[in-house]
Amino acid sequence: MPLDTFATAVDASAYGYALPASAAAGLLSRATQALRDEAGYPITTTTSTLQLQAGDSRLKLPTPLISAVSALSLVNIDSTVTALTAGTDWQWRTGQVICLLDDGVLLAEDRYGGLFQVTYTHGLAAAPPALIRLTCAVAARLAATPVTALTGITSETTGSVSWSAAGSRAPVDGLTESECRQLTRAVPVRRAWQVPL
């Protein structure tokens, strides 16, 4: 399970952000979740199990910052899995690619459609200072934003001209463009989404 927040009220104070004491924990949690949502993965160390299609005897893991691949299995036609052996059937060194090695595995890939189940560990062991500061900044912005402003601008009138964006709402806890740019400088951001099992 990932850390609850990337920063604490003490961190916020150290960076010069005054958060209301009664709401600090909730604001930091909301900020952390907004950053995770934008990054596309939990950011801090977690273990995931996914099913992926092989292509050219390779599996491309969708998440950055991979520290270990602990298991790889072939998914059979009946949805059962057959465990494969590291070093004999597959190999992972670093990065996001697992190479399939054994001729039998490659044959099974062709026969069963190349669906594999992989369990791996990814993410940072600790939040870097830039991410801690950004979490505090987002929490401070959320604290200063009136509840009525969370839906964004839906209509405006200037003189006799008015417009309305019916049905369009800004995300309640979304990040600003500036915050998104800062996040991409602090950690890798994933743009393709994969739903974990």
Protein backbone atom coordinates (compact mmCIF):
# COMPACT_ATOMS: atom_id res chain seq x y z
CA MET A 1 0.00 0.00 0.00
CA PRO A 2 1.40 3.41 -0.94
CA LEU A 3 2.04 6.08 1.67
CA ASP A 4 -1.09 8.00 2.65
CA THR A 5 0.48 11.38 1.79
CA PHE A 6 3.69 12.62 0.24
CA ALA A 7 3.99 15.41 2.83
CA THR A 8 3.01 16.27 6.39
CA ALA A 9 1.77 19.46 8.04
CA VAL A 10 5.32 19.89 9.40
CA ASP A 11 6.64 19.77 5.80
CA ALA A 12 4.08 22.37 4.74
CA SER A 13 5.12 24.67 7.54
CA ALA A 14 8.82 24.18 6.71
CA TYR A 15 8.14 25.21 3.09
CA GLY A 16 6.17 28.27 4.25
CA TYR A 17 2.65 27.02 3.51
CA ALA A 18 0.12 27.74 6.26
CA LEU A 19 -2.53 25.03 6.23
CA PRO A 20 -5.52 25.16 8.60
CA ALA A 21 -4.61 22.77 11.43
CA SER A 22 -8.01 21.08 11.46
CA ALA A 23 -7.95 20.36 7.71
CA ALA A 24 -4.21 19.86 7.01
CA ALA A 25 -4.29 16.05 6.88
CA GLY A 26 -7.26 16.01 4.50
CA LEU A 27 -5.79 18.70 2.24
CA LEU A 28 -2.46 16.85 2.01
CA SER A 29 -4.30 13.60 1.22
CA ARG A 30 -6.30 15.31 -1.55
CA ALA A 31 -3.13 16.87 -2.95
CA THR A 32 -1.32 13.51 -2.88
CA GLN A 33 -4.19 11.79 -4.70
CA ALA A 34 -4.33 14.54 -7.34
CA LEU A 35 -0.59 14.08 -7.97
CA ARG A 36 -0.96 10.28 -8.18
CA ASP A 37 -3.88 10.64 -10.58
CA GLU A 38 -1.89 12.94 -12.84
CA ALA A 39 1.22 10.72 -12.70
CA GLY A 40 -0.85 7.65 -13.58
CA TYR A 41 0.65 5.41 -10.90
CA PRO A 42 1.08 5.50 -7.09
CA ILE A 43 4.63 7.03 -7.34
CA THR A 44 5.79 5.47 -4.03
CA THR A 45 6.77 1.79 -3.82
CA THR A 46 3.96 -0.64 -4.52
CA THR A 47 3.53 -4.10 -6.03
CA SER A 48 1.20 -4.61 -9.00
CA THR A 49 -0.08 -7.63 -10.91
CA LEU A 50 -1.12 -7.08 -14.52
CA GLN A 51 -1.97 -9.15 -17.56
CA LEU A 52 -0.16 -8.03 -20.71
CA GLN A 53 0.06 -9.11 -24.34
CA ALA A 54 3.51 -10.10 -25.57
CA GLY A 55 4.84 -8.68 -28.78
CA ASP A 56 8.02 -9.87 -30.52
CA SER A 57 8.86 -12.07 -27.51
CA ARG A 58 8.78 -9.06 -25.19
CA LEU A 59 6.48 -7.65 -22.54
CA LYS A 60 6.44 -3.88 -22.04
CA LEU A 61 5.50 -2.91 -18.50
CA PRO A 62 3.39 0.26 -18.42
CA THR A 63 4.78 1.74 -15.22
CA PRO A 64 8.08 3.61 -14.76
CA LEU A 65 10.51 3.20 -11.85
CA ILE A 66 10.45 -0.62 -11.78
CA SER A 67 12.70 -2.09 -9.08
CA ALA A 68 11.87 -5.81 -9.35
CA VAL A 69 9.90 -8.38 -11.33
CA SER A 70 8.92 -11.18 -8.96
CA ALA A 71 6.74 -13.47 -11.08
CA LEU A 72 5.72 -14.12 -14.67
CA SER A 73 3.08 -16.61 -15.75
CA LEU A 74 1.46 -17.64 -19.02
CA VAL A 75 -2.32 -17.16 -18.98
CA ASN A 76 -3.92 -20.31 -20.41
CA ILE A 77 -7.10 -20.56 -22.49
CA ASP A 78 -9.11 -21.52 -19.39
CA SER A 79 -7.76 -18.43 -17.52
CA THR A 80 -5.51 -20.52 -15.28
CA VAL A 81 -1.86 -19.49 -15.15
CA THR A 82 1.34 -21.48 -15.67
CA ALA A 83 4.29 -20.08 -13.74
CA LEU A 84 7.44 -19.41 -15.75
CA THR A 85 11.01 -19.57 -14.45
CA ALA A 86 13.21 -16.49 -14.29
CA GLY A 87 16.48 -16.91 -16.16
CA THR A 88 15.17 -19.91 -18.13
CA ASP A 89 11.83 -18.74 -19.54
CA TRP A 90 12.19 -14.96 -19.12
CA GLN A 91 14.67 -12.26 -18.20
CA TRP A 92 14.39 -8.74 -16.81
CA ARG A 93 17.41 -6.57 -16.17
CA THR A 94 16.29 -2.97 -15.76
CA GLY A 95 13.74 -0.74 -17.40
CA GLN A 96 10.26 -1.67 -18.52
CA VAL A 97 10.88 -4.67 -20.83
CA ILE A 98 10.78 -8.40 -20.00
CA CYS A 99 12.30 -10.69 -22.63
CA LEU A 100 10.84 -14.17 -23.20
CA LEU A 101 13.64 -16.73 -23.64
CA ASP A 102 12.45 -20.33 -23.89
CA ASP A 103 11.26 -21.84 -27.19
CA GLY A 104 8.38 -23.51 -25.35
CA VAL A 105 7.27 -20.14 -23.96
CA LEU A 106 7.46 -18.59 -27.41
CA LEU A 107 5.38 -21.46 -28.82
CA ALA A 108 2.86 -21.02 -25.99
CA GLU A 109 2.82 -17.29 -26.76
CA ASP A 110 1.76 -18.09 -30.31
CA ARG A 111 -0.70 -20.81 -29.30
CA TYR A 112 -2.46 -18.94 -26.47
CA GLY A 113 -2.39 -15.42 -27.88
CA GLY A 114 0.57 -14.16 -25.90
CA LEU A 115 -1.24 -13.17 -22.70
CA PHE A 116 1.01 -13.13 -19.63
CA GLN A 117 0.50 -12.22 -15.99
CA VAL A 118 3.34 -10.32 -14.34
CA THR A 119 3.90 -9.25 -10.72
CA TYR A 120 6.38 -6.45 -10.20
CA THR A 121 7.44 -3.76 -7.74
CA HIS A 122 7.66 -0.15 -8.86
CA GLY A 123 7.84 3.38 -7.50
CA LEU A 124 10.11 5.45 -5.29
CA ALA A 125 11.11 4.31 -1.80
CA ALA A 126 10.63 7.89 -0.55
CA ALA A 127 9.10 11.04 -1.98
CA PRO A 128 11.79 13.41 -3.32
CA PRO A 129 11.95 16.96 -1.90
CA ALA A 130 10.47 18.47 -5.09
CA LEU A 131 7.41 16.21 -4.76
CA ILE A 132 7.04 17.03 -1.04
CA ARG A 133 7.14 20.77 -1.79
CA LEU A 134 4.67 20.39 -4.67
CA THR A 135 2.27 18.43 -2.45
CA CYS A 136 2.38 21.24 0.11
CA ALA A 137 1.78 23.85 -2.61
CA VAL A 138 -1.22 21.97 -4.03
CA ALA A 139 -2.67 21.50 -0.52
CA ALA A 140 -2.26 25.26 0.16
CA ARG A 141 -4.00 26.09 -3.12
CA LEU A 142 -6.85 23.72 -2.27
CA ALA A 143 -7.15 25.36 1.18
CA ALA A 144 -7.37 28.82 -0.41
CA THR A 145 -9.88 27.85 -3.12
CA PRO A 146 -13.50 28.59 -2.19
CA VAL A 147 -15.77 25.56 -2.46
CA THR A 148 -17.94 27.38 -5.03
CA ALA A 149 -14.89 27.81 -7.31
CA LEU A 150 -14.14 24.08 -7.43
CA THR A 151 -16.58 23.55 -10.30
CA GLY A 152 -14.75 26.07 -12.48
CA ILE A 153 -16.24 28.80 -14.63
CA THR A 154 -19.43 27.58 -16.28
CA SER A 155 -20.82 30.91 -17.56
CA GLU A 156 -19.79 34.51 -18.05
CA THR A 157 -21.49 37.73 -19.08
CA THR A 158 -19.82 40.82 -20.51
CA GLY A 159 -22.23 43.59 -21.40
CA SER A 160 -24.94 42.13 -23.62
CA VAL A 161 -22.89 39.02 -24.51
CA SER A 162 -23.02 35.88 -22.40
CA TRP A 163 -21.93 32.28 -22.80
CA SER A 164 -22.50 29.09 -20.87
CA ALA A 165 -20.60 25.80 -20.80
CA ALA A 166 -23.47 23.55 -19.78
CA GLY A 167 -22.38 20.17 -18.53
CA SER A 168 -18.71 21.17 -18.43
CA ARG A 169 -17.01 21.06 -15.07
CA ALA A 170 -13.43 21.41 -13.95
CA PRO A 171 -12.15 18.51 -11.83
CA VAL A 172 -12.66 19.17 -8.13
CA ASP A 173 -9.12 18.23 -7.09
CA GLY A 174 -7.31 18.52 -10.42
CA LEU A 175 -3.92 20.14 -10.87
CA THR A 176 -3.18 23.39 -12.63
CA GLU A 177 -1.02 23.37 -15.77
CA SER A 178 1.89 24.76 -13.77
CA GLU A 179 1.53 22.02 -11.15
CA CYS A 180 1.45 19.36 -13.90
CA ARG A 181 4.69 20.73 -15.35
CA GLN A 182 6.32 20.70 -11.90
CA LEU A 183 5.19 17.11 -11.37
CA THR A 184 6.82 15.99 -14.64
CA ARG A 185 10.09 17.53 -13.44
CA ALA A 186 9.85 15.72 -10.07
CA VAL A 187 8.87 12.19 -11.21
CA PRO A 188 8.20 10.29 -14.46
CA VAL A 189 4.59 10.71 -15.57
CA ARG A 190 2.76 7.90 -17.35
CA ARG A 191 0.47 8.91 -20.19
CA ALA A 192 -0.86 5.46 -21.24
CA TRP A 193 -3.27 3.90 -18.76
CA GLN A 194 -3.52 0.24 -17.74
CA VAL A 195 -6.03 -1.08 -15.23
CA PRO A 196 -4.37 -3.31 -12.57
CA LEU A 197 -5.95 -6.63 -11.57
